[in-house]
PDB file of N, CA and C in Angstrom:
ATOM      1  N   MET A   1     -22.346  29.790 206.884  1.00  0.00           N
ATOM      2  CA  MET A   1     -23.804  28.881 206.728  1.00  0.00           C
ATOM      3  C   MET A   1     -23.275  27.573 207.282  1.00  0.00           C
ATOM      4  N   ALA A   2     -24.198  26.884 208.123  1.00  0.00           N
ATOM      5  CA  ALA A   2     -23.760  25.617 208.481  1.00  0.00           C
ATOM      6  C   ALA A   2     -24.500  24.482 207.857  1.00  0.00           C
ATOM      7  N   VAL A   3     -23.658  23.302 207.614  1.00  0.00           N
ATOM      8  CA  VAL A   3     -24.549  22.229 206.645  1.00  0.00           C
ATOM      9  C   VAL A   3     -24.916  21.336 207.910  1.00  0.00           C
ATOM     10  N   THR A   4     -26.668  21.146 207.578  1.00  0.00           N
ATOM     11  CA  THR A   4     -27.100  20.356 208.819  1.00  0.00           C
ATOM     12  C   THR A   4     -27.713  19.252 208.472  1.00  0.00           C
ATOM     13  N   THR A   5     -27.293  18.332 206.943  1.00  0.00           N
ATOM     14  CA  THR A   5     -27.125  17.385 206.541  1.00  0.00           C
ATOM     15  C   THR A   5     -25.858  16.810 205.995  1.00  0.00           C
ATOM     16  N   PRO A   6     -25.366  15.415 206.090  1.00  0.00           N
ATOM     17  CA  PRO A   6     -24.177  15.315 205.426  1.00  0.00           C
ATOM     18  C   PRO A   6     -24.255  15.193 203.941  1.00  0.00           C
ATOM     19  N   ASP A   7     -25.268  14.714 203.339  1.00  0.00           N
ATOM     20  CA  ASP A   7     -25.391  14.822 201.929  1.00  0.00           C
ATOM     21  C   ASP A   7     -25.126  16.029 201.383  1.00  0.00           C
ATOM     22  N   LYS A   8     -25.055  17.030 201.722  1.00  0.00           N
ATOM     23  CA  LYS A   8     -24.838  18.567 201.345  1.00  0.00           C
ATOM     24  C   LYS A   8     -23.298  19.139 201.532  1.00  0.00           C
ATOM     25  N   LEU A   9     -22.503  18.169 202.395  1.00  0.00           N
ATOM     26  CA  LEU A   9     -20.943  19.028 202.527  1.00  0.00           C
ATOM     27  C   LEU A   9     -20.439  19.266 201.428  1.00  0.00           C
ATOM     28  N   ASN A  10     -20.322  18.058 200.251  1.00  0.00           N
ATOM     29  CA  ASN A  10     -19.656  18.135 199.387  1.00  0.00           C
ATOM     30  C   ASN A  10     -20.101  19.252 198.237  1.00  0.00           C
ATOM     31  N   GLU A  11     -21.269  19.573 198.241  1.00  0.00           N
ATOM     32  CA  GLU A  11     -21.966  20.536 197.401  1.00  0.00           C
ATOM     33  C   GLU A  11     -21.407  22.058 198.237  1.00  0.00           C
ATOM     34  N   ARG A  12     -21.428  22.368 199.125  1.00  0.00           N
ATOM     35  CA  ARG A  12     -21.264  23.481 199.981  1.00  0.00           C
ATOM     36  C   ARG A  12     -19.392  23.237 199.842  1.00  0.00           C
ATOM     37  N   TYR A  13     -18.876  22.227 199.790  1.00  0.00           N
ATOM     38  CA  TYR A  13     -17.412  22.782 199.858  1.00  0.00           C
ATOM     39  C   TYR A  13     -16.731  23.167 198.391  1.00  0.00           C
ATOM     40  N   ASN A  14     -17.568  22.201 197.232  1.00  0.00           N
ATOM     41  CA  ASN A  14     -17.801  22.788 196.115  1.00  0.00           C
ATOM     42  C   ASN A  14     -17.543  24.331 195.745  1.00  0.00           C
ATOM     43  N   ALA A  15     -18.788  24.603 196.513  1.00  0.00           N
ATOM     44  CA  ALA A  15     -19.023  26.233 196.307  1.00  0.00           C
ATOM     45  C   ALA A  15     -18.066  27.159 196.989  1.00  0.00           C
ATOM     46  N   LEU A  16     -17.984  26.672 198.028  1.00  0.00           N
ATOM     47  CA  LEU A  16     -16.509  27.686 198.549  1.00  0.00           C
ATOM     48  C   LEU A  16     -15.578  27.524 197.837  1.00  0.00           C
ATOM     49  N   PHE A  17     -15.282  26.295 197.178  1.00  0.00           N
ATOM     50  CA  PHE A  17     -13.773  26.477 196.661  1.00  0.00           C
ATOM     51  C   PHE A  17     -14.022  26.741 195.649  1.00  0.00           C
ATOM     52  N   ARG A  18     -14.810  27.219 194.800  1.00  0.00           N
ATOM     53  CA  ARG A  18     -15.118  27.990 193.448  1.00  0.00           C
ATOM     54  C   ARG A  18     -14.637  29.108 194.015  1.00  0.00           C
ATOM     55  N   VAL A  19     -15.112  29.904 194.959  1.00  0.00           N
ATOM     56  CA  VAL A  19     -14.885  31.359 195.292  1.00  0.00           C
ATOM     57  C   VAL A  19     -13.918  31.593 196.056  1.00  0.00           C
ATOM     58  N   GLY A  20     -12.876  30.578 196.549  1.00  0.00           N
ATOM     59  CA  GLY A  20     -11.904  30.961 197.205  1.00  0.00           C
ATOM     60  C   GLY A  20     -12.251  31.067 198.603  1.00  0.00           C
ATOM     61  N   ASP A  21     -12.840  30.975 199.269  1.00  0.00           N
ATOM     62  CA  ASP A  21     -13.315  31.194 200.639  1.00  0.00           C
ATOM     63  C   ASP A  21     -12.707  29.887 201.632  1.00  0.00           C
ATOM     64  N   LEU A  22     -11.279  30.371 201.882  1.00  0.00           N
ATOM     65  CA  LEU A  22     -10.562  29.560 202.845  1.00  0.00           C
ATOM     66  C   LEU A  22     -11.172  29.557 204.309  1.00  0.00           C
ATOM     67  N   GLU A  23     -11.797  30.449 204.638  1.00  0.00           N
ATOM     68  CA  GLU A  23     -12.514  30.802 205.926  1.00  0.00           C
ATOM     69  C   GLU A  23     -13.639  29.436 206.359  1.00  0.00           C
ATOM     70  N   ASN A  24     -14.348  29.863 205.002  1.00  0.00           N
ATOM     71  CA  ASN A  24     -15.659  28.663 205.556  1.00  0.00           C
ATOM     72  C   ASN A  24     -15.358  27.423 205.100  1.00  0.00           C
ATOM     73  N   LEU A  25     -14.329  27.230 204.038  1.00  0.00           N
ATOM     74  CA  LEU A  25     -13.666  25.799 203.831  1.00  0.00           C
ATOM     75  C   LEU A  25     -13.363  25.236 205.235  1.00  0.00           C
ATOM     76  N   MET A  26     -12.644  25.906 205.957  1.00  0.00           N
ATOM     77  CA  MET A  26     -12.066  25.500 207.120  1.00  0.00           C
ATOM     78  C   MET A  26     -12.860  25.294 208.110  1.00  0.00           C
ATOM     79  N   ALA A  27     -14.603  25.912 207.896  1.00  0.00           N
ATOM     80  CA  ALA A  27     -15.602  25.622 209.002  1.00  0.00           C
ATOM     81  C   ALA A  27     -16.003  24.775 208.747  1.00  0.00           C
ATOM     82  N   LEU A  28     -16.019  23.914 207.409  1.00  0.00           N
ATOM     83  CA  LEU A  28     -16.554  22.593 207.189  1.00  0.00           C
ATOM     84  C   LEU A  28     -15.611  21.251 208.119  1.00  0.00           C
ATOM     85  N   TYR A  29     -14.375  21.676 208.316  1.00  0.00           N
ATOM     86  CA  TYR A  29     -13.683  20.729 209.115  1.00  0.00           C
ATOM     87  C   TYR A  29     -13.660  20.591 210.821  1.00  0.00           C
ATOM     88  N   GLU A  30     -13.961  19.634 211.395  1.00  0.00           N
ATOM     89  CA  GLU A  30     -13.478  19.535 212.540  1.00  0.00           C
ATOM     90  C   GLU A  30     -12.242  20.155 213.225  1.00  0.00           C
ATOM     91  N   PRO A  31     -12.134  20.819 214.300  1.00  0.00           N
ATOM     92  CA  PRO A  31     -10.800  21.357 214.508  1.00  0.00           C
ATOM     93  C   PRO A  31      -9.441  20.392 214.705  1.00  0.00           C
ATOM     94  N   ASP A  32      -9.824  19.054 214.860  1.00  0.00           N
ATOM     95  CA  ASP A  32      -8.696  18.114 215.116  1.00  0.00           C
ATOM     96  C   ASP A  32      -8.878  17.102 213.690  1.00  0.00           C
ATOM     97  N   ALA A  33      -9.373  17.503 212.884  1.00  0.00           N
ATOM     98  CA  ALA A  33      -9.670  16.848 211.674  1.00  0.00           C
ATOM     99  C   ALA A  33      -8.451  16.435 211.146  1.00  0.00           C
ATOM    100  N   VAL A  34      -8.364  15.006 210.326  1.00  0.00           N
ATOM    101  CA  VAL A  34      -7.311  14.577 209.642  1.00  0.00           C
ATOM    102  C   VAL A  34      -7.513  14.783 207.904  1.00  0.00           C
ATOM    103  N   LEU A  35      -6.621  15.347 207.422  1.00  0.00           N
ATOM    104  CA  LEU A  35      -6.698  15.357 205.709  1.00  0.00           C
ATOM    105  C   LEU A  35      -5.340  14.512 205.390  1.00  0.00           C
ATOM    106  N   ALA A  36      -5.678  13.486 204.546  1.00  0.00           N
ATOM    107  CA  ALA A  36      -4.370  12.436 204.123  1.00  0.00           C
ATOM    108  C   ALA A  36      -4.520  12.769 202.347  1.00  0.00           C
ATOM    109  N   PRO A  37      -3.661  14.016 202.185  1.00  0.00           N
ATOM    110  CA  PRO A  37      -3.802  14.264 200.762  1.00  0.00           C
ATOM    111  C   PRO A  37      -2.667  13.161 199.904  1.00  0.00           C
ATOM    112  N   ALA A  38      -2.166  12.542 200.362  1.00  0.00           N
ATOM    113  CA  ALA A  38      -1.244  11.584 199.644  1.00  0.00           C
ATOM    114  C   ALA A  38      -0.857  10.331 200.702  1.00  0.00           C
ATOM    115  N   PRO A  39      -0.619   8.839 199.687  1.00  0.00           N
ATOM    116  CA  PRO A  39      -0.434   7.951 200.727  1.00  0.00           C
ATOM    117  C   PRO A  39       0.851   8.222 201.595  1.00  0.00           C
ATOM    118  N   GLY A  40       0.835   8.181 202.898  1.00  0.00           N
ATOM    119  CA  GLY A  40       1.525   8.098 203.969  1.00  0.00           C
ATOM    120  C   GLY A  40       1.941   9.536 204.437  1.00  0.00           C
ATOM    121  N   LYS A  41       0.802  10.276 204.151  1.00  0.00           N
ATOM    122  CA  LYS A  41       0.839  11.729 204.287  1.00  0.00           C
ATOM    123  C   LYS A  41      -0.181  12.501 205.158  1.00  0.00           C
ATOM    124  N   GLU A  42      -0.297  12.244 206.906  1.00  0.00           N
ATOM    125  CA  GLU A  42      -1.433  13.193 206.936  1.00  0.00           C
ATOM    126  C   GLU A  42      -1.338  14.421 207.692  1.00  0.00           C
ATOM    127  N   LEU A  43      -2.256  15.551 207.444  1.00  0.00           N
ATOM    128  CA  LEU A  43      -2.091  16.706 208.075  1.00  0.00           C
ATOM    129  C   LEU A  43      -3.400  16.759 209.062  1.00  0.00           C
ATOM    130  N   ARG A  44      -2.925  16.832 210.160  1.00  0.00           N
ATOM    131  CA  ARG A  44      -4.160  16.987 211.246  1.00  0.00           C
ATOM    132  C   ARG A  44      -3.876  18.528 212.055  1.00  0.00           C
ATOM    133  N   GLY A  45      -5.257  18.681 211.892  1.00  0.00           N
ATOM    134  CA  GLY A  45      -5.817  19.855 212.538  1.00  0.00           C
ATOM    135  C   GLY A  45      -5.931  21.121 211.834  1.00  0.00           C
ATOM    136  N   HIS A  46      -6.390  21.937 212.168  1.00  0.00           N
ATOM    137  CA  HIS A  46      -6.945  23.347 211.420  1.00  0.00           C
ATOM    138  C   HIS A  46      -5.769  23.985 210.755  1.00  0.00           C
ATOM    139  N   ALA A  47      -4.526  24.114 211.409  1.00  0.00           N
ATOM    140  CA  ALA A  47      -3.427  24.788 210.825  1.00  0.00           C
ATOM    141  C   ALA A  47      -2.576  24.195 209.690  1.00  0.00           C
ATOM    142  N   GLU A  48      -2.746  22.779 209.879  1.00  0.00           N
ATOM    143  CA  GLU A  48      -2.135  22.159 208.530  1.00  0.00           C
ATOM    144  C   GLU A  48      -2.724  22.097 207.881  1.00  0.00           C
ATOM    145  N   ILE A  49      -4.139  21.763 208.042  1.00  0.00           N
ATOM    146  CA  ILE A  49      -5.406  21.543 206.919  1.00  0.00           C
ATOM    147  C   ILE A  49      -4.971  22.834 205.892  1.00  0.00           C
ATOM    148  N   ARG A  50      -5.187  23.909 206.843  1.00  0.00           N
ATOM    149  CA  ARG A  50      -5.193  25.345 206.186  1.00  0.00           C
ATOM    150  C   ARG A  50      -4.217  25.591 205.374  1.00  0.00           C
ATOM    151  N   ALA A  51      -2.816  25.187 205.640  1.00  0.00           N
ATOM    152  CA  ALA A  51      -1.805  25.455 204.651  1.00  0.00           C
ATOM    153  C   ALA A  51      -2.285  24.607 203.370  1.00  0.00           C
ATOM    154  N   GLN A  52      -2.434  23.452 203.780  1.00  0.00           N
ATOM    155  CA  GLN A  52      -2.463  22.687 202.164  1.00  0.00           C
ATOM    156  C   GLN A  52      -3.732  23.312 201.341  1.00  0.00           C
ATOM    157  N   LEU A  53      -4.872  23.591 202.339  1.00  0.00           N
ATOM    158  CA  LEU A  53      -6.025  24.151 201.363  1.00  0.00           C
ATOM    159  C   LEU A  53      -5.764  25.294 200.540  1.00  0.00           C
ATOM    160  N   LYS A  54      -4.846  26.704 201.399  1.00  0.00           N
ATOM    161  CA  LYS A  54      -4.281  27.524 200.742  1.00  0.00           C
ATOM    162  C   LYS A  54      -3.563  27.616 199.747  1.00  0.00           C
ATOM    163  N   GLN A  55      -2.814  26.582 199.467  1.00  0.00           N
ATOM    164  CA  GLN A  55      -1.718  26.014 198.214  1.00  0.00           C
ATOM    165  C   GLN A  55      -2.700  25.562 197.132  1.00  0.00           C
ATOM    166  N   LEU A  56      -3.900  24.743 197.417  1.00  0.00           N
ATOM    167  CA  LEU A  56      -4.730  24.309 196.535  1.00  0.00           C
ATOM    168  C   LEU A  56      -5.251  25.581 195.942  1.00  0.00           C
ATOM    169  N   LEU A  57      -5.816  26.596 196.706  1.00  0.00           N
ATOM    170  CA  LEU A  57      -6.635  27.867 196.107  1.00  0.00           C
ATOM    171  C   LEU A  57      -5.537  28.554 195.422  1.00  0.00           C
ATOM    172  N   LYS A  58      -4.562  28.626 195.487  1.00  0.00           N
ATOM    173  CA  LYS A  58      -3.833  29.476 195.000  1.00  0.00           C
ATOM    174  C   LYS A  58      -3.408  29.208 192.919  1.00  0.00           C
ATOM    175  N   LEU A  59      -3.565  27.847 193.254  1.00  0.00           N
ATOM    176  CA  LEU A  59      -3.667  27.720 191.771  1.00  0.00           C
ATOM    177  C   LEU A  59      -5.253  27.463 190.905  1.00  0.00           C
ATOM    178  N   ARG A  60      -5.930  28.447 191.433  1.00  0.00           N
ATOM    179  CA  ARG A  60      -6.852  28.945 191.002  1.00  0.00           C
ATOM    180  C   ARG A  60      -7.562  28.033 189.739  1.00  0.00           C
ATOM    181  N   GLY A  61      -7.940  27.065 190.154  1.00  0.00           N
ATOM    182  CA  GLY A  61      -8.394  26.111 189.274  1.00  0.00           C
ATOM    183  C   GLY A  61     -10.099  25.898 189.124  1.00  0.00           C
ATOM    184  N   GLU A  62     -10.203  25.052 188.603  1.00  0.00           N
ATOM    185  CA  GLU A  62     -11.611  24.375 188.514  1.00  0.00           C
ATOM    186  C   GLU A  62     -11.924  22.796 189.043  1.00  0.00           C
ATOM    187  N   LEU A  63     -12.755  23.067 190.154  1.00  0.00           N
ATOM    188  CA  LEU A  63     -13.003  21.672 190.733  1.00  0.00           C
ATOM    189  C   LEU A  63     -14.238  21.236 190.417  1.00  0.00           C
ATOM    190  N   ILE A  64     -14.281  19.908 189.808  1.00  0.00           N
ATOM    191  CA  ILE A  64     -15.797  19.681 189.457  1.00  0.00           C
ATOM    192  C   ILE A  64     -16.079  18.298 189.909  1.00  0.00           C
ATOM    193  N   SER A  65     -17.008  18.171 191.040  1.00  0.00           N
ATOM    194  CA  SER A  65     -17.037  17.031 191.811  1.00  0.00           C
ATOM    195  C   SER A  65     -18.525  16.553 191.702  1.00  0.00           C
ATOM    196  N   THR A  66     -18.536  15.240 191.697  1.00  0.00           N
ATOM    197  CA  THR A  66     -19.929  14.785 191.907  1.00  0.00           C
ATOM    198  C   THR A  66     -19.898  13.544 192.949  1.00  0.00           C
ATOM    199  N   GLN A  67     -20.814  13.890 193.920  1.00  0.00           N
ATOM    200  CA  GLN A  67     -21.484  12.958 194.993  1.00  0.00           C
ATOM    201  C   GLN A  67     -21.659  11.357 194.701  1.00  0.00           C
ATOM    202  N   LEU A  68     -21.105  10.350 194.819  1.00  0.00           N
ATOM    203  CA  LEU A  68     -21.300   9.164 194.653  1.00  0.00           C
ATOM    204  C   LEU A  68     -22.236   8.754 195.661  1.00  0.00           C
ATOM    205  N   ASN A  69     -21.917   8.789 196.981  1.00  0.00           N
ATOM    206  CA  ASN A  69     -22.216   8.140 198.035  1.00  0.00           C
ATOM    207  C   ASN A  69     -22.449   8.931 199.182  1.00  0.00           C
ATOM    208  N   CYS A  70     -23.439   8.864 199.992  1.00  0.00           N
ATOM    209  CA  CYS A  70     -23.715   9.099 201.616  1.00  0.00           C
ATOM    210  C   CYS A  70     -24.427   8.190 202.329  1.00  0.00           C
ATOM    211  N   VAL A  71     -23.602   7.381 203.168  1.00  0.00           N
ATOM    212  CA  VAL A  71     -24.025   6.369 204.063  1.00  0.00           C
ATOM    213  C   VAL A  71     -23.985   7.063 205.467  1.00  0.00           C
ATOM    214  N   ARG A  72     -25.187   6.932 206.128  1.00  0.00           N
ATOM    215  CA  ARG A  72     -25.267   7.873 207.275  1.00  0.00           C
ATOM    216  C   ARG A  72     -25.738   6.643 208.425  1.00  0.00           C
ATOM    217  N   GLN A  73     -24.681   6.711 209.509  1.00  0.00           N
ATOM    218  CA  GLN A  73     -25.278   5.825 211.079  1.00  0.00           C
ATOM    219  C   GLN A  73     -25.194   7.277 211.932  1.00  0.00           C
ATOM    220  N   GLY A  74     -26.043   7.348 212.450  1.00  0.00           N
ATOM    221  CA  GLY A  74     -26.660   8.167 213.862  1.00  0.00           C
ATOM    222  C   GLY A  74     -25.645   9.543 212.932  1.00  0.00           C
ATOM    223  N   ASP A  75     -24.547   9.905 213.963  1.00  0.00           N
ATOM    224  CA  ASP A  75     -24.098  11.243 213.566  1.00  0.00           C
ATOM    225  C   ASP A  75     -22.700  11.059 213.014  1.00  0.00           C
ATOM    226  N   ILE A  76     -22.671   9.963 212.523  1.00  0.00           N
ATOM    227  CA  ILE A  76     -21.591   9.744 211.503  1.00  0.00           C
ATOM    228  C   ILE A  76     -21.597   9.440 209.862  1.00  0.00           C
ATOM    229  N   ALA A  77     -21.001   9.918 209.355  1.00  0.00           N
ATOM    230  CA  ALA A  77     -21.613   9.523 207.539  1.00  0.00           C
ATOM    231  C   ALA A  77     -20.170   9.310 206.661  1.00  0.00           C
ATOM    232  N   LEU A  78     -20.594   8.477 206.296  1.00  0.00           N
ATOM    233  CA  LEU A  78     -19.270   8.293 205.175  1.00  0.00           C
ATOM    234  C   LEU A  78     -19.714   9.124 203.822  1.00  0.00           C
ATOM    235  N   LEU A  79     -18.944   9.737 203.179  1.00  0.00           N
ATOM    236  CA  LEU A  79     -19.336  10.065 201.823  1.00  0.00           C
ATOM    237  C   LEU A  79     -18.156   9.922 200.743  1.00  0.00           C
ATOM    238  N   GLN A  80     -18.566   9.524 199.760  1.00  0.00           N
ATOM    239  CA  GLN A  80     -17.535   9.239 198.329  1.00  0.00           C
ATOM    240  C   GLN A  80     -17.849  10.245 197.201  1.00  0.00           C
ATOM    241  N   ALA A  81     -17.146  10.897 196.784  1.00  0.00           N
ATOM    242  CA  ALA A  81     -17.116  11.821 195.369  1.00  0.00           C
ATOM    243  C   ALA A  81     -16.206  11.102 194.308  1.00  0.00           C
ATOM    244  N   ARG A  82     -16.790  11.798 193.023  1.00  0.00           N
ATOM    245  CA  ARG A  82     -15.514  11.655 192.250  1.00  0.00           C
ATOM    246  C   ARG A  82     -15.302  13.178 191.564  1.00  0.00           C
ATOM    247  N   TRP A  83     -14.089  13.573 191.661  1.00  0.00           N
ATOM    248  CA  TRP A  83     -13.745  14.574 191.403  1.00  0.00           C
ATOM    249  C   TRP A  83     -12.653  14.820 190.227  1.00  0.00           C
ATOM    250  N   SER A  84     -12.451  16.225 189.983  1.00  0.00           N
ATOM    251  CA  SER A  84     -11.552  16.498 188.727  1.00  0.00           C
ATOM    252  C   SER A  84     -10.951  17.777 189.139  1.00  0.00           C
ATOM    253  N   PHE A  85      -9.707  18.201 189.032  1.00  0.00           N
ATOM    254  CA  PHE A  85      -9.388  19.706 189.369  1.00  0.00           C
ATOM    255  C   PHE A  85      -8.414  19.952 187.921  1.00  0.00           C
ATOM    256  N   SER A  86      -8.439  20.792 187.722  1.00  0.00           N
ATOM    257  CA  SER A  86      -7.539  21.650 186.604  1.00  0.00           C
ATOM    258  C   SER A  86      -7.007  23.270 187.094  1.00  0.00           C
ATOM    259  N   GLY A  87      -5.960  23.395 187.013  1.00  0.00           N
ATOM    260  CA  GLY A  87      -5.534  24.890 187.131  1.00  0.00           C
ATOM    261  C   GLY A  87      -3.954  24.787 186.588  1.00  0.00           C
ATOM    262  N   LYS A  88      -3.459  25.978 187.178  1.00  0.00           N
ATOM    263  CA  LYS A  88      -2.197  26.356 187.193  1.00  0.00           C
ATOM    264  C   LYS A  88      -1.197  26.851 188.094  1.00  0.00           C
ATOM    265  N   SER A  89       0.114  26.494 188.139  1.00  0.00           N
ATOM    266  CA  SER A  89       1.007  26.461 188.850  1.00  0.00           C
ATOM    267  C   SER A  89       1.167  28.029 189.098  1.00  0.00           C
ATOM    268  N   ALA A  90       2.332  28.289 190.004  1.00  0.00           N
ATOM    269  CA  ALA A  90       3.087  29.928 190.047  1.00  0.00           C
ATOM    270  C   ALA A  90       3.671  29.906 188.790  1.00  0.00           C
ATOM    271  N   THR A  91       4.151  29.123 188.034  1.00  0.00           N
ATOM    272  CA  THR A  91       5.230  28.995 186.853  1.00  0.00           C
ATOM    273  C   THR A  91       4.321  28.682 185.585  1.00  0.00           C
ATOM    274  N   GLY A  92       3.127  28.511 185.821  1.00  0.00           N
ATOM    275  CA  GLY A  92       2.044  28.905 184.544  1.00  0.00           C
ATOM    276  C   GLY A  92       1.921  27.507 184.051  1.00  0.00           C
ATOM    277  N   SER A  93       2.393  26.545 184.662  1.00  0.00           N
ATOM    278  CA  SER A  93       2.233  25.209 184.115  1.00  0.00           C
ATOM    279  C   SER A  93       0.962  24.478 184.602  1.00  0.00           C
ATOM    280  N   THR A  94       0.240  23.499 183.686  1.00  0.00           N
ATOM    281  CA  THR A  94      -1.197  23.096 184.041  1.00  0.00           C
ATOM    282  C   THR A  94      -0.714  22.100 185.033  1.00  0.00           C
ATOM    283  N   VAL A  95      -1.832  21.947 185.994  1.00  0.00           N
ATOM    284  CA  VAL A  95      -1.911  21.291 187.110  1.00  0.00           C
ATOM    285  C   VAL A  95      -3.197  20.647 187.066  1.00  0.00           C
ATOM    286  N   VAL A  96      -3.207  19.182 186.901  1.00  0.00           N
ATOM    287  CA  VAL A  96      -4.565  18.382 186.585  1.00  0.00           C
ATOM    288  C   VAL A  96      -4.303  17.234 187.668  1.00  0.00           C
ATOM    289  N   MET A  97      -5.481  17.215 188.526  1.00  0.00           N
ATOM    290  CA  MET A  97      -5.343  16.083 189.308  1.00  0.00           C
ATOM    291  C   MET A  97      -6.993  15.535 189.495  1.00  0.00           C
ATOM    292  N   GLY A  98      -7.329  14.395 190.204  1.00  0.00           N
ATOM    293  CA  GLY A  98      -8.591  13.856 189.951  1.00  0.00           C
ATOM    294  C   GLY A  98      -8.402  12.519 191.017  1.00  0.00           C
ATOM    295  N   GLY A  99      -9.847  11.785 191.291  1.00  0.00           N
ATOM    296  CA  GLY A  99      -9.621  10.602 192.020  1.00  0.00           C
ATOM    297  C   GLY A  99     -11.005  10.399 192.473  1.00  0.00           C
ATOM    298  N   VAL A 100     -11.495   9.558 193.427  1.00  0.00           N
ATOM    299  CA  VAL A 100     -12.550   9.366 194.148  1.00  0.00           C
ATOM    300  C   VAL A 100     -12.117   9.158 195.467  1.00  0.00           C
ATOM    301  N   SER A 101     -12.760  10.252 196.376  1.00  0.00           N
ATOM    302  CA  SER A 101     -12.713  10.650 197.741  1.00  0.00           C
ATOM    303  C   SER A 101     -13.307   9.621 198.606  1.00  0.00           C
ATOM    304  N   ALA A 102     -13.125   9.703 199.651  1.00  0.00           N
ATOM    305  CA  ALA A 102     -13.746   9.176 200.972  1.00  0.00           C
ATOM    306  C   ALA A 102     -13.326  10.163 202.114  1.00  0.00           C
ATOM    307  N   LYS A 103     -14.526  10.658 202.579  1.00  0.00           N
ATOM    308  CA  LYS A 103     -14.478  11.444 203.867  1.00  0.00           C
ATOM    309  C   LYS A 103     -15.710  10.985 204.887  1.00  0.00           C
ATOM    310  N   VAL A 104     -15.215  11.324 206.426  1.00  0.00           N
ATOM    311  CA  VAL A 104     -15.954  10.734 207.286  1.00  0.00           C
ATOM    312  C   VAL A 104     -16.150  12.093 208.076  1.00  0.00           C
ATOM    313  N   ALA A 105     -17.596  12.343 207.861  1.00  0.00           N
ATOM    314  CA  ALA A 105     -18.231  13.388 208.633  1.00  0.00           C
ATOM    315  C   ALA A 105     -18.789  12.811 209.954  1.00  0.00           C
ATOM    316  N   ARG A 106     -18.866  13.964 210.801  1.00  0.00           N
ATOM    317  CA  ARG A 106     -19.647  14.024 212.153  1.00  0.00           C
ATOM    318  C   ARG A 106     -20.573  15.014 212.450  1.00  0.00           C
ATOM    319  N   ARG A 107     -21.587  14.557 212.928  1.00  0.00           N
ATOM    320  CA  ARG A 107     -22.684  15.973 213.056  1.00  0.00           C
ATOM    321  C   ARG A 107     -22.096  16.309 214.832  1.00  0.00           C
ATOM    322  N   GLY A 108     -21.686  17.564 214.952  1.00  0.00           N
ATOM    323  CA  GLY A 108     -21.533  18.394 216.071  1.00  0.00           C
ATOM    324  C   GLY A 108     -22.809  18.468 217.056  1.00  0.00           C
ATOM    325  N   ALA A 109     -22.132  18.929 218.222  1.00  0.00           N
ATOM    326  CA  ALA A 109     -23.515  19.337 219.045  1.00  0.00           C
ATOM    327  C   ALA A 109     -24.293  20.420 218.701  1.00  0.00           C
ATOM    328  N   ASP A 110     -23.672  21.174 217.648  1.00  0.00           N
ATOM    329  CA  ASP A 110     -24.707  22.187 217.406  1.00  0.00           C
ATOM    330  C   ASP A 110     -25.472  22.048 216.087  1.00  0.00           C
ATOM    331  N   GLY A 111     -25.276  20.464 215.476  1.00  0.00           N
ATOM    332  CA  GLY A 111     -26.196  20.319 214.613  1.00  0.00           C
ATOM    333  C   GLY A 111     -25.854  20.451 213.588  1.00  0.00           C
ATOM    334  N   ALA A 112     -24.477  20.586 212.969  1.00  0.00           N
ATOM    335  CA  ALA A 112     -23.638  21.031 212.133  1.00  0.00           C
ATOM    336  C   ALA A 112     -22.964  19.713 211.526  1.00  0.00           C
ATOM    337  N   TRP A 113     -22.738  19.698 210.244  1.00  0.00           N
ATOM    338  CA  TRP A 113     -21.593  18.418 209.963  1.00  0.00           C
ATOM    339  C   TRP A 113     -20.619  18.991 209.452  1.00  0.00           C
ATOM    340  N   ARG A 114     -19.313  18.354 209.871  1.00  0.00           N
ATOM    341  CA  ARG A 114     -17.959  18.487 209.943  1.00  0.00           C
ATOM    342  C   ARG A 114     -17.147  17.455 209.335  1.00  0.00           C
ATOM    343  N   PHE A 115     -16.115  17.319 208.356  1.00  0.00           N
ATOM    344  CA  PHE A 115     -15.660  16.339 208.178  1.00  0.00           C
ATOM    345  C   PHE A 115     -14.598  15.998 209.165  1.00  0.00           C
ATOM    346  N   ALA A 116     -14.396  14.874 209.668  1.00  0.00           N
ATOM    347  CA  ALA A 116     -13.377  14.394 210.470  1.00  0.00           C
ATOM    348  C   ALA A 116     -12.158  14.111 209.728  1.00  0.00           C
ATOM    349  N   ILE A 117     -12.627  13.014 208.941  1.00  0.00           N
ATOM    350  CA  ILE A 117     -11.226  12.208 208.026  1.00  0.00           C
ATOM    351  C   ILE A 117     -11.378  12.671 206.580  1.00  0.00           C
ATOM    352  N   ASP A 118     -10.604  13.493 205.866  1.00  0.00           N
ATOM    353  CA  ASP A 118     -10.782  13.579 204.553  1.00  0.00           C
ATOM    354  C   ASP A 118      -9.670  12.852 203.669  1.00  0.00           C
ATOM    355  N   LEU A 119      -9.854  11.757 202.505  1.00  0.00           N
ATOM    356  CA  LEU A 119      -8.888  11.008 202.066  1.00  0.00           C
ATOM    357  C   LEU A 119      -9.148  11.658 200.460  1.00  0.00           C
ATOM    358  N   PRO A 120      -8.298  12.796 200.040  1.00  0.00           N
ATOM    359  CA  PRO A 120      -9.346  13.410 198.852  1.00  0.00           C
ATOM    360  C   PRO A 120      -9.239  12.178 197.798  1.00  0.00           C
ATOM    361  N   ALA A 121      -7.766  11.524 197.636  1.00  0.00           N
ATOM    362  CA  ALA A 121      -8.117  10.274 196.591  1.00  0.00           C
ATOM    363  C   ALA A 121      -7.610   8.922 197.307  1.00  0.00           C
ATOM    364  N   THR A 122      -8.672   7.981 196.820  1.00  0.00           N
ATOM    365  CA  THR A 122      -8.721   6.885 197.431  1.00  0.00           C
ATOM    366  C   THR A 122      -7.754   5.846 196.532  1.00  0.00           C
ATOM    367  N   PRO A 123      -6.908   4.876 197.166  1.00  0.00           N
ATOM    368  CA  PRO A 123      -6.309   3.910 196.319  1.00  0.00           C
ATOM    369  C   PRO A 123      -6.877   3.301 195.427  1.00  0.00           C
ATOM    370  N   GLN A 124      -6.464   3.142 194.489  1.00  0.00           N
ATOM    371  CA  GLN A 124      -7.021   2.194 193.426  1.00  0.00           C
ATOM    372  C   GLN A 124      -6.368   0.770 193.289  1.00  0.00           C
ATOM    373  N   GLY A 125      -7.329  -0.319 193.641  1.00  0.00           N
ATOM    374  CA  GLY A 125      -6.651  -1.396 193.726  1.00  0.00           C
ATOM    375  C   GLY A 125      -6.821  -2.163 192.502  1.00  0.00           C
TER     376      GLY A 125
END
């Protein structure tokens, strides 16, 4: 199901993450999207982003996310959300993460909104 308004991207991402639907999570990203999971680290394109999301889904955790902002200018939108995640590593240790994300989304020719840039945790100054 395509997301036709940018303010629904966060909600759709959360629902897909909860059920571990990697294929439909990838459909929320443009083919040449950039995901920056850590300072100085940029993953480009579906292959690299898929590998990262696959590892996150293996943690079988709970993602809680609340959208803070959605600012739209034509076919581009900036989204922010506060999120937390708790899961288990392969060794059984607890993995806890969280932060405030910043994402740039763009409306495609098909009318669907997709992430072009995904910065899961913005630097805190």
